Amino acid sequence: MASTQLAQALATALEAVKSNPKSAEAHKNFANSCRDCGYLNQALTSISQAILLDPNDTNSYWIQGLIHRELGNFHEALQSNHQALKIDPHNIDATIELGHLHRKFGNLDQALACALESIKPNAADTTKACDLLTLTLQQQRNTINSKAIHPIESVDAELRKLPLPGANNSTISAAEIQHFIQKAFIITASLDQQINTSLTQIYHIQQSEAPNCSALSKFFLAQQAIAKRCHSCYKIQLNAKSLDELLMLHFLMKTLHLKDSNISKCMIELRPGQNNFYKGLIYCSGVKEAAHVAKNVILECRKRTALSPEASINRGCTSFRKEYPDYGAINTSTSLQEGPRQREEWANKEAQFFKQRNSMPINKSASAFNLGEWLIIKNWIAYANAMGDPLTGYSQPSFSHTNANFLAQVEIMKDKQASPCPPEIPGIE
């Protein structure tokens, strides 16, 4: 929703509270509008007032949990969702949110149980539950149930047995990947119409904690300020020209062992107006580190794959750089610069915005291929086929009606773009 629409919705919700200050529903709606605009602390105050007025509303506790999670108050979020489920033990939204929190705490068996419980046969929409499943299965689990009785777990266990392209630093070919993907299609055939995800990015996390980008973006939206973490965020972007190249890049990153265990991800682009459909990003904490890692990754690409990508280095998110060009001004004619430090007034705003944050364990990505990865790769294949990628030889995956939002986004991109391989423009996130 555009910022003007958000502001209008916020003003309307505020008027409703003023007109009926004892209405729990009005306070709840105002809390939702505040959350949409990034005013998380005000949202927390408003939803707490809604709960005081109606302490038996399950939805209010669920919303309170969402806000706490975005603020980094994970223990408080856990309490809110437990309270929601105490009132309504079968509430799907609270069960899914509880699963995300278990995932954050590293309790993957509990997270998986929440996901499986929420995927109901013939449900109108299982997207949120399947997204939880997708994220959970991608994390490193200490033990895998070898006698899994749920069909989803059984399929995941079979996928994990597949020999990984690029294992043991071996070379990776397009033919090898295509053979691998065809095997995955066969193993997962029984689930085609049952589970799909809206997610389109695969992260590779080894030792570093992934940034809470959602909360940092809401801080920027509400305060027009950039958080400290974002001042030490430098992204190496590697552009792929086809689905085959994206898959090759993904398996390279999955089997790549960088000195500082940098977080990386591979993704398809769903934002209209972007010039690269397929890309990989590697996160670094300094510009010198980014330059060093980029050089080594390019060498590794040439050594182990047919890829020969050009790397660009950017600071933070595109929206930050557009609003504050000096923040993103790290490229000079002769060298890379760190860029300006966080402004003092931004630091003060951040201290007020994130009043408390719980430390969380690092959730590493699974080293084996898994069903979570596969669900996202299915989306990549559907996207490539829709965009007319001439290099892909994969058939169109089967999707259920619950994946309508992702398919609609693909159609928007298809209408906006004429070719899957437009000229590359350095510096695009």
Protein backbone atom coordinates (compact mmCIF):
# COMPACT_ATOMS: atom_id res chain seq x y z
CA MET A 1 0.00 0.00 0.00
CA ALA A 2 1.33 3.47 -0.89
CA SER A 3 2.41 5.76 1.95
CA THR A 4 -0.46 8.20 1.30
CA GLN A 5 -2.97 5.36 1.60
CA LEU A 6 -1.31 4.19 4.81
CA ALA A 7 -1.50 7.71 6.24
CA GLN A 8 -5.17 7.99 5.30
CA ALA A 9 -5.95 4.63 6.88
CA LEU A 10 -4.09 5.68 10.02
CA ALA A 11 -6.02 8.96 10.25
CA THR A 12 -9.35 7.14 9.79
CA ALA A 13 -8.46 4.61 12.49
CA LEU A 14 -7.43 7.38 14.88
CA GLU A 15 -10.75 9.19 14.36
CA ALA A 16 -12.59 5.97 15.19
CA VAL A 17 -10.69 5.72 18.49
CA LYS A 18 -11.49 9.34 19.33
CA SER A 19 -15.16 8.79 18.50
CA ASN A 20 -15.40 5.59 20.55
CA PRO A 21 -12.50 5.34 23.03
CA LYS A 22 -14.03 2.33 24.79
CA SER A 23 -14.22 0.24 21.61
CA ALA A 24 -11.71 -2.61 21.64
CA GLU A 25 -12.19 -3.04 17.90
CA ALA A 26 -11.32 0.61 17.24
CA HIS A 27 -8.10 0.33 19.27
CA LYS A 28 -7.24 -2.91 17.48
CA ASN A 29 -7.74 -1.33 14.06
CA PHE A 30 -5.63 1.65 15.10
CA ALA A 31 -2.89 -0.72 16.30
CA ASN A 32 -2.91 -2.47 12.91
CA SER A 33 -2.65 0.87 11.08
CA CYS A 34 0.21 1.98 13.32
CA ARG A 35 2.01 -1.29 12.65
CA ASP A 36 1.54 -0.89 8.89
CA CYS A 37 3.10 2.59 9.12
CA GLY A 38 6.00 1.37 11.23
CA TYR A 39 4.88 3.00 14.50
CA LEU A 40 5.45 -0.19 16.44
CA ASN A 41 5.59 1.26 19.95
CA GLN A 42 2.33 3.14 19.43
CA ALA A 43 0.86 -0.04 17.94
CA LEU A 44 1.89 -1.96 21.05
CA THR A 45 0.24 0.63 23.31
CA SER A 46 -2.97 0.55 21.28
CA ILE A 47 -3.28 -3.23 21.11
CA SER A 48 -2.63 -3.44 24.85
CA GLN A 49 -5.55 -1.04 25.35
CA ALA A 50 -7.72 -3.24 23.12
CA ILE A 51 -6.86 -6.24 25.29
CA LEU A 52 -7.78 -4.32 28.44
CA LEU A 53 -11.17 -3.54 26.92
CA ASP A 54 -11.72 -7.08 25.63
CA PRO A 55 -9.40 -9.61 27.32
CA ASN A 56 -10.99 -12.57 25.51
CA ASP A 57 -10.22 -11.51 21.94
CA THR A 58 -7.76 -14.06 20.54
CA ASN A 59 -6.95 -11.88 17.54
CA SER A 60 -5.71 -9.03 19.75
CA TYR A 61 -3.18 -11.27 21.50
CA TRP A 62 -1.99 -12.54 18.13
CA ILE A 63 -1.50 -8.96 16.88
CA GLN A 64 0.32 -8.11 20.11
CA GLY A 65 2.64 -11.05 19.46
CA LEU A 66 3.37 -9.87 15.91
CA ILE A 67 4.32 -6.41 17.17
CA HIS A 68 6.52 -7.81 19.93
CA ARG A 69 8.32 -10.03 17.40
CA GLU A 70 8.97 -7.10 15.06
CA LEU A 71 10.37 -5.10 17.97
CA GLY A 72 12.67 -8.01 18.86
CA ASN A 73 10.80 -8.81 22.08
CA PHE A 74 10.61 -12.52 21.35
CA HIS A 75 9.87 -13.75 24.88
CA GLU A 76 6.94 -11.34 25.17
CA ALA A 77 5.73 -12.43 21.73
CA LEU A 78 5.77 -16.03 22.93
CA GLN A 79 3.62 -15.10 25.95
CA SER A 80 1.09 -13.26 23.77
CA ASN A 81 0.58 -16.24 21.47
CA HIS A 82 0.35 -18.69 24.35
CA GLN A 83 -2.42 -16.51 25.76
CA ALA A 84 -4.20 -16.48 22.38
CA LEU A 85 -4.07 -20.27 22.22
CA LYS A 86 -5.24 -20.54 25.82
CA ILE A 87 -8.45 -18.81 24.73
CA ASP A 88 -8.73 -20.62 21.38
CA PRO A 89 -6.48 -23.72 21.17
CA HIS A 90 -7.28 -24.18 17.46
CA ASN A 91 -6.54 -20.64 16.30
CA ILE A 92 -4.52 -21.01 13.08
CA ASP A 93 -2.93 -17.53 13.09
CA ALA A 94 -1.63 -17.90 16.65
CA THR A 95 -0.41 -21.45 15.96
CA ILE A 96 1.56 -20.27 12.93
CA GLU A 97 3.03 -17.30 14.80
CA LEU A 98 3.99 -19.62 17.68
CA GLY A 99 5.76 -21.78 15.09
CA HIS A 100 7.78 -18.80 13.85
CA LEU A 101 8.81 -18.02 17.42
CA HIS A 102 9.83 -21.63 18.07
CA ARG A 103 11.87 -21.38 14.87
CA LYS A 104 13.55 -18.22 16.14
CA PHE A 105 14.42 -19.96 19.41
CA GLY A 106 15.79 -22.97 17.53
CA ASN A 107 12.97 -25.29 18.67
CA LEU A 108 12.54 -26.76 15.20
CA ASP A 109 10.51 -29.84 16.16
CA GLN A 110 7.91 -27.59 17.81
CA ALA A 111 7.98 -25.20 14.84
CA LEU A 112 7.45 -28.08 12.43
CA ALA A 113 4.59 -29.41 14.56
CA CYS A 114 2.89 -25.99 14.42
CA ALA A 115 3.28 -25.88 10.63
CA LEU A 116 1.93 -29.39 10.05
CA GLU A 117 -0.98 -28.76 12.42
CA SER A 118 -1.90 -25.60 10.46
CA ILE A 119 -1.88 -27.18 6.99
CA LYS A 120 -5.48 -28.30 6.84
CA PRO A 121 -6.85 -30.36 3.91
CA ASN A 122 -9.20 -28.34 1.69
CA ALA A 123 -8.44 -25.13 3.59
CA ALA A 124 -9.18 -21.89 1.72
CA ASP A 125 -5.65 -20.58 2.29
CA THR A 126 -2.67 -22.47 3.69
CA THR A 127 -0.04 -20.02 2.41
CA LYS A 128 1.08 -18.77 5.85
CA ALA A 129 1.35 -22.30 7.20
CA CYS A 130 3.31 -23.45 4.15
CA ASP A 131 5.63 -20.44 4.46
CA LEU A 132 6.35 -21.46 8.07
CA LEU A 133 6.99 -25.03 6.89
CA THR A 134 9.30 -23.76 4.12
CA LEU A 135 11.40 -21.68 6.51
CA THR A 136 11.55 -24.35 9.21
CA LEU A 137 12.71 -27.13 6.91
CA GLN A 138 15.55 -24.95 5.63
CA GLN A 139 17.12 -24.68 9.09
CA GLN A 140 19.75 -27.08 10.37
CA ARG A 141 18.15 -29.73 12.59
CA ASN A 142 20.21 -31.85 14.98
CA THR A 143 18.12 -34.93 14.30
CA ILE A 144 15.79 -35.93 11.49
CA ASN A 145 13.02 -38.41 12.19
CA SER A 146 14.06 -41.47 10.18
CA LYS A 147 10.64 -43.04 10.85
CA ALA A 148 8.63 -39.99 9.85
CA ILE A 149 4.94 -40.77 9.63
CA HIS A 150 3.67 -37.52 8.13
CA PRO A 151 3.80 -37.58 4.29
CA ILE A 152 5.45 -34.14 4.22
CA GLU A 153 8.22 -35.31 6.57
CA SER A 154 8.71 -38.47 4.53
CA VAL A 155 9.18 -36.51 1.30
CA ASP A 156 11.58 -34.11 3.04
CA ALA A 157 13.62 -37.06 4.32
CA GLU A 158 13.89 -38.47 0.78
CA LEU A 159 15.04 -35.12 -0.64
CA ARG A 160 17.76 -34.90 2.00
CA LYS A 161 19.26 -38.13 0.68
CA LEU A 162 19.96 -36.64 -2.77
CA PRO A 163 23.67 -36.06 -3.48
CA LEU A 164 24.13 -32.29 -3.55
CA PRO A 165 25.55 -30.63 -6.69
CA GLY A 166 28.83 -29.01 -5.69
CA ALA A 167 29.38 -31.14 -2.59
CA ASN A 168 32.99 -31.34 -1.40
CA ASN A 169 33.87 -28.26 -3.52
CA SER A 170 33.26 -30.18 -6.74
CA THR A 171 32.42 -28.53 -10.04
CA ILE A 172 28.76 -27.76 -10.81
CA SER A 173 27.28 -28.16 -14.30
CA ALA A 174 23.88 -27.22 -15.69
CA ALA A 175 23.33 -30.83 -16.80
CA GLU A 176 24.00 -32.10 -13.27
CA ILE A 177 21.53 -29.61 -11.81
CA GLN A 178 18.84 -30.45 -14.38
CA HIS A 179 19.20 -34.15 -13.52
CA PHE A 180 18.99 -33.26 -9.81
CA ILE A 181 15.83 -31.16 -10.33
CA GLN A 182 14.13 -33.92 -12.30
CA LYS A 183 14.76 -36.31 -9.39
CA ALA A 184 13.26 -33.78 -6.98
CA PHE A 185 10.15 -33.49 -9.20
CA ILE A 186 9.67 -37.26 -8.97
CA ILE A 187 10.17 -37.42 -5.18
CA THR A 188 7.74 -34.56 -4.50
CA ALA A 189 5.04 -35.48 -7.06
CA SER A 190 2.61 -36.62 -4.36
CA LEU A 191 2.68 -33.16 -2.71
CA ASP A 192 2.29 -30.96 -5.80
CA GLN A 193 -1.29 -29.88 -5.13
CA GLN A 194 -0.97 -29.93 -1.33
CA ILE A 195 1.75 -27.46 -0.38
CA ASN A 196 3.17 -24.37 -2.05
CA THR A 197 4.94 -21.33 -0.67
CA SER A 198 4.81 -17.62 -1.45
CA LEU A 199 8.52 -17.29 -0.62
CA THR A 200 11.05 -16.64 -3.40
CA GLN A 201 14.39 -16.21 -1.61
CA ILE A 202 16.73 -18.92 -0.30
CA TYR A 203 19.14 -17.85 2.44
CA HIS A 204 22.45 -19.53 3.21
CA ILE A 205 23.27 -18.92 6.89
CA GLN A 206 26.29 -20.51 8.59
CA GLN A 207 27.53 -18.59 11.63
CA SER A 208 26.09 -15.07 11.50
CA GLU A 209 22.69 -13.89 12.69
CA ALA A 210 20.45 -12.71 9.85
CA PRO A 211 19.34 -9.08 10.25
CA ASN A 212 15.71 -8.42 11.20
CA CYS A 213 15.14 -6.55 7.93
CA SER A 214 11.38 -6.28 8.44
CA ALA A 215 11.80 -4.41 11.73
CA LEU A 216 14.65 -2.25 10.37
CA SER A 217 12.51 -1.30 7.36
CA LYS A 218 9.59 -0.36 9.62
CA PHE A 219 11.95 1.79 11.69
CA PHE A 220 12.98 3.58 8.49
CA LEU A 221 9.35 3.94 7.39
CA ALA A 222 8.21 5.41 10.70
CA GLN A 223 11.22 7.56 11.59
CA GLN A 224 12.81 8.30 8.19
CA ALA A 225 16.04 7.20 9.84
CA ILE A 226 18.50 4.40 9.08
CA ALA A 227 19.43 1.94 11.84
CA LYS A 228 23.00 1.31 12.96
CA ARG A 229 22.96 -2.26 11.66
CA CYS A 230 22.19 -0.94 8.17
CA HIS A 231 25.29 1.30 8.26
CA SER A 232 27.45 -1.82 8.37
CA CYS A 233 25.50 -3.67 5.69
CA TYR A 234 27.25 -3.98 2.33
CA LYS A 235 25.80 -6.27 -0.32
CA ILE A 236 27.67 -7.97 -3.11
CA GLN A 237 25.25 -8.50 -5.98
CA LEU A 238 25.84 -11.22 -8.56
CA ASN A 239 23.45 -11.18 -11.52
CA ALA A 240 22.40 -14.38 -13.26
CA LYS A 241 21.06 -14.35 -16.82
CA SER A 242 18.82 -17.43 -16.64
CA LEU A 243 17.22 -19.96 -14.32
CA ASP A 244 20.07 -22.37 -15.04
CA GLU A 245 22.58 -19.76 -13.88
CA LEU A 246 20.53 -18.93 -10.77
CA LEU A 247 20.37 -22.59 -9.76
CA MET A 248 24.11 -22.92 -10.39
CA LEU A 249 24.74 -19.86 -8.23
CA HIS A 250 22.47 -21.22 -5.49
CA PHE A 251 24.26 -24.56 -5.24
CA LEU A 252 27.63 -22.79 -5.33
CA MET A 253 26.62 -20.52 -2.42
CA LYS A 254 25.14 -23.45 -0.52
CA THR A 255 28.43 -25.36 -0.70
CA LEU A 256 30.73 -22.32 -0.44
CA HIS A 257 32.71 -21.88 2.77
CA LEU A 258 33.68 -18.23 3.18
CA LYS A 259 36.22 -17.23 5.81
CA ASP A 260 33.76 -15.06 7.74
CA SER A 261 30.73 -17.28 7.05
CA ASN A 262 28.90 -14.42 5.35
CA ILE A 263 25.15 -14.72 4.92
CA SER A 264 24.07 -15.02 1.30
CA LYS A 265 20.86 -15.57 -0.61
CA CYS A 266 19.57 -16.29 -4.10
CA MET A 267 16.31 -14.87 -5.39
CA ILE A 268 14.04 -13.94 -8.25
CA GLU A 269 13.00 -10.32 -8.70
CA LEU A 270 9.29 -9.54 -8.24
CA ARG A 271 9.56 -5.75 -8.04
CA PRO A 272 8.48 -4.08 -11.30
CA GLY A 273 11.11 -1.82 -12.82
CA GLN A 274 14.11 -3.91 -11.78
CA ASN A 275 16.57 -4.83 -14.52
CA ASN A 276 17.77 -8.20 -13.33
CA PHE A 277 15.39 -11.13 -12.95
CA TYR A 278 17.75 -13.49 -11.13
CA LYS A 279 20.35 -12.54 -8.57
CA GLY A 280 22.49 -13.59 -5.65
CA LEU A 281 23.46 -11.36 -2.71
CA ILE A 282 26.25 -11.76 -0.17
CA TYR A 283 26.13 -9.67 3.02
CA CYS A 284 29.30 -8.10 4.42
CA SER A 285 29.93 -5.84 7.41
CA GLY A 286 32.53 -3.57 5.78
CA VAL A 287 33.36 -2.27 2.34
CA LYS A 288 36.90 -3.73 2.36
CA GLU A 289 35.51 -7.10 3.35
CA ALA A 290 32.94 -6.84 0.53
CA ALA A 291 35.63 -6.12 -2.05
CA HIS A 292 37.75 -9.05 -0.82
CA VAL A 293 34.82 -11.50 -0.72
CA ALA A 294 33.59 -10.40 -4.16
CA LYS A 295 37.00 -11.12 -5.67
CA ASN A 296 37.18 -14.58 -4.08
CA VAL A 297 33.60 -15.51 -5.01
CA ILE A 298 34.15 -14.57 -8.65
CA LEU A 299 37.27 -16.74 -8.71
CA GLU A 300 35.30 -19.60 -7.15
CA CYS A 301 32.52 -19.16 -9.74
CA ARG A 302 35.01 -19.46 -12.57
CA LYS A 303 36.76 -22.42 -10.95
CA ARG A 304 33.69 -24.53 -10.14
CA THR A 305 30.98 -23.40 -12.59
CA ALA A 306 30.45 -21.98 -16.06
CA LEU A 307 29.49 -18.67 -14.45
CA SER A 308 31.52 -15.54 -14.97
CA PRO A 309 29.48 -12.89 -13.17
CA GLU A 310 30.29 -9.27 -12.61
CA ALA A 311 29.85 -8.14 -9.02
CA SER A 312 28.54 -4.81 -7.80
CA ILE A 313 28.72 -3.61 -4.19
CA ASN A 314 25.98 -1.52 -2.61
CA ARG A 315 25.22 -0.28 0.86
CA GLY A 316 21.93 -1.22 2.51
CA CYS A 317 18.53 -1.18 0.82
CA THR A 318 17.51 0.64 -2.33
CA SER A 319 14.85 2.68 -0.49
CA PHE A 320 17.48 3.97 1.97
CA ARG A 321 19.82 5.03 -0.83
CA LYS A 322 17.04 6.80 -2.73
CA GLU A 323 15.99 8.80 0.32
CA TYR A 324 19.53 9.57 1.49
CA PRO A 325 21.95 9.47 -1.49
CA ASP A 326 24.96 10.25 0.72
CA TYR A 327 24.30 7.04 2.69
CA GLY A 328 24.75 4.97 -0.44
CA ALA A 329 27.62 6.99 -1.90
CA ILE A 330 30.38 4.42 -1.46
CA ASN A 331 31.65 4.16 -5.05
CA THR A 332 34.21 6.69 -6.25
CA SER A 333 36.10 6.78 -9.53
CA THR A 334 39.12 5.10 -7.96
CA SER A 335 38.01 3.18 -4.85
CA LEU A 336 35.26 2.09 -2.48
CA GLN A 337 34.50 4.12 0.66
CA GLU A 338 32.72 3.09 3.86
CA GLY A 339 30.23 5.95 3.58
CA PRO A 340 28.99 8.23 6.39
CA ARG A 341 28.36 6.94 9.90
CA GLN A 342 24.94 6.91 11.54
CA ARG A 343 23.66 10.37 12.40
CA GLU A 344 23.33 11.10 16.11
CA GLU A 345 19.61 11.91 15.85
CA TRP A 346 19.04 8.57 14.10
CA ALA A 347 20.85 6.75 16.91
CA ASN A 348 18.62 8.45 19.49
CA LYS A 349 15.48 7.51 17.55
CA GLU A 350 16.69 3.92 17.27
CA ALA A 351 17.28 3.69 21.02
CA GLN A 352 13.68 4.76 21.61
CA PHE A 353 12.22 2.57 18.88
CA PHE A 354 13.94 -0.66 19.94
CA LYS A 355 13.69 -0.27 23.71
CA GLN A 356 14.52 -3.91 24.41
CA ARG A 357 15.66 -6.79 22.28
CA ASN A 358 16.14 -10.43 23.20
CA SER A 359 19.27 -12.19 22.02
CA MET A 360 18.51 -15.21 19.87
CA PRO A 361 20.46 -18.31 18.80
CA ILE A 362 21.90 -18.37 15.28
CA ASN A 363 19.68 -20.50 13.07
CA LYS A 364 21.98 -22.13 10.54
CA SER A 365 20.77 -23.27 7.14
CA ALA A 366 20.49 -27.01 6.55
CA SER A 367 23.50 -28.42 4.72
CA ALA A 368 21.35 -31.01 2.93
CA PHE A 369 18.83 -30.24 0.21
CA ASN A 370 15.32 -30.16 1.67
CA LEU A 371 11.66 -29.64 0.94
CA GLY A 372 11.82 -25.99 2.03
CA GLU A 373 14.38 -25.23 -0.67
CA TRP A 374 12.44 -27.22 -3.21
CA LEU A 375 9.20 -25.27 -2.68
CA ILE A 376 11.06 -22.04 -3.43
CA ILE A 377 12.85 -23.52 -6.45
CA LYS A 378 9.44 -24.56 -7.79
CA ASN A 379 8.51 -20.88 -7.71
CA TRP A 380 11.73 -20.02 -9.55
CA ILE A 381 10.86 -22.53 -12.29
CA ALA A 382 7.31 -21.20 -12.64
CA TYR A 383 8.69 -17.65 -12.80
CA ALA A 384 11.26 -18.56 -15.47
CA ASN A 385 8.65 -20.28 -17.61
CA ALA A 386 6.26 -17.32 -17.28
CA MET A 387 9.00 -14.83 -18.20
CA GLY A 388 9.94 -16.81 -21.32
CA ASP A 389 13.42 -17.81 -20.15
CA PRO A 390 14.76 -19.58 -23.27
CA LEU A 391 17.36 -21.59 -21.36
CA THR A 392 15.07 -23.45 -18.96
CA GLY A 393 14.04 -26.98 -19.89
CA TYR A 394 11.77 -27.66 -16.93
CA SER A 395 8.04 -28.26 -17.16
CA GLN A 396 5.61 -25.95 -15.37
CA PRO A 397 5.19 -27.05 -11.71
CA SER A 398 1.73 -27.80 -10.37
CA PHE A 399 0.31 -25.25 -7.95
CA SER A 400 -2.80 -25.19 -5.80
CA HIS A 401 -5.18 -22.23 -5.70
CA THR A 402 -3.54 -21.09 -2.46
CA ASN A 403 -0.47 -19.86 -4.37
CA ALA A 404 -2.53 -17.27 -6.24
CA ASN A 405 -0.68 -14.29 -4.74
CA PHE A 406 2.71 -15.43 -6.02
CA LEU A 407 1.31 -16.24 -9.46
CA ALA A 408 -0.35 -12.80 -9.60
CA GLN A 409 2.99 -11.14 -8.83
CA VAL A 410 4.61 -13.11 -11.64
CA GLU A 411 1.92 -11.93 -14.06
CA ILE A 412 2.62 -8.31 -13.07
CA MET A 413 6.32 -8.80 -13.80
CA LYS A 414 5.48 -10.52 -17.08
CA ASP A 415 3.41 -7.53 -18.17
CA LYS A 416 6.08 -5.01 -17.11
CA GLN A 417 9.09 -6.71 -18.69
CA ALA A 418 9.69 -7.71 -22.29
CA SER A 419 12.77 -9.88 -21.86
CA PRO A 420 14.27 -11.97 -19.02
CA CYS A 421 17.74 -10.67 -19.82
CA PRO A 422 17.66 -6.85 -20.16
CA PRO A 423 20.93 -4.89 -20.05
CA GLU A 424 22.59 -5.09 -16.67
CA ILE A 425 22.83 -1.93 -14.59
CA PRO A 426 25.43 -2.00 -11.78
CA GLY A 427 24.25 -0.95 -8.37
CA ILE A 428 20.71 -2.33 -8.34
CA GLU A 429 19.84 -4.18 -5.17
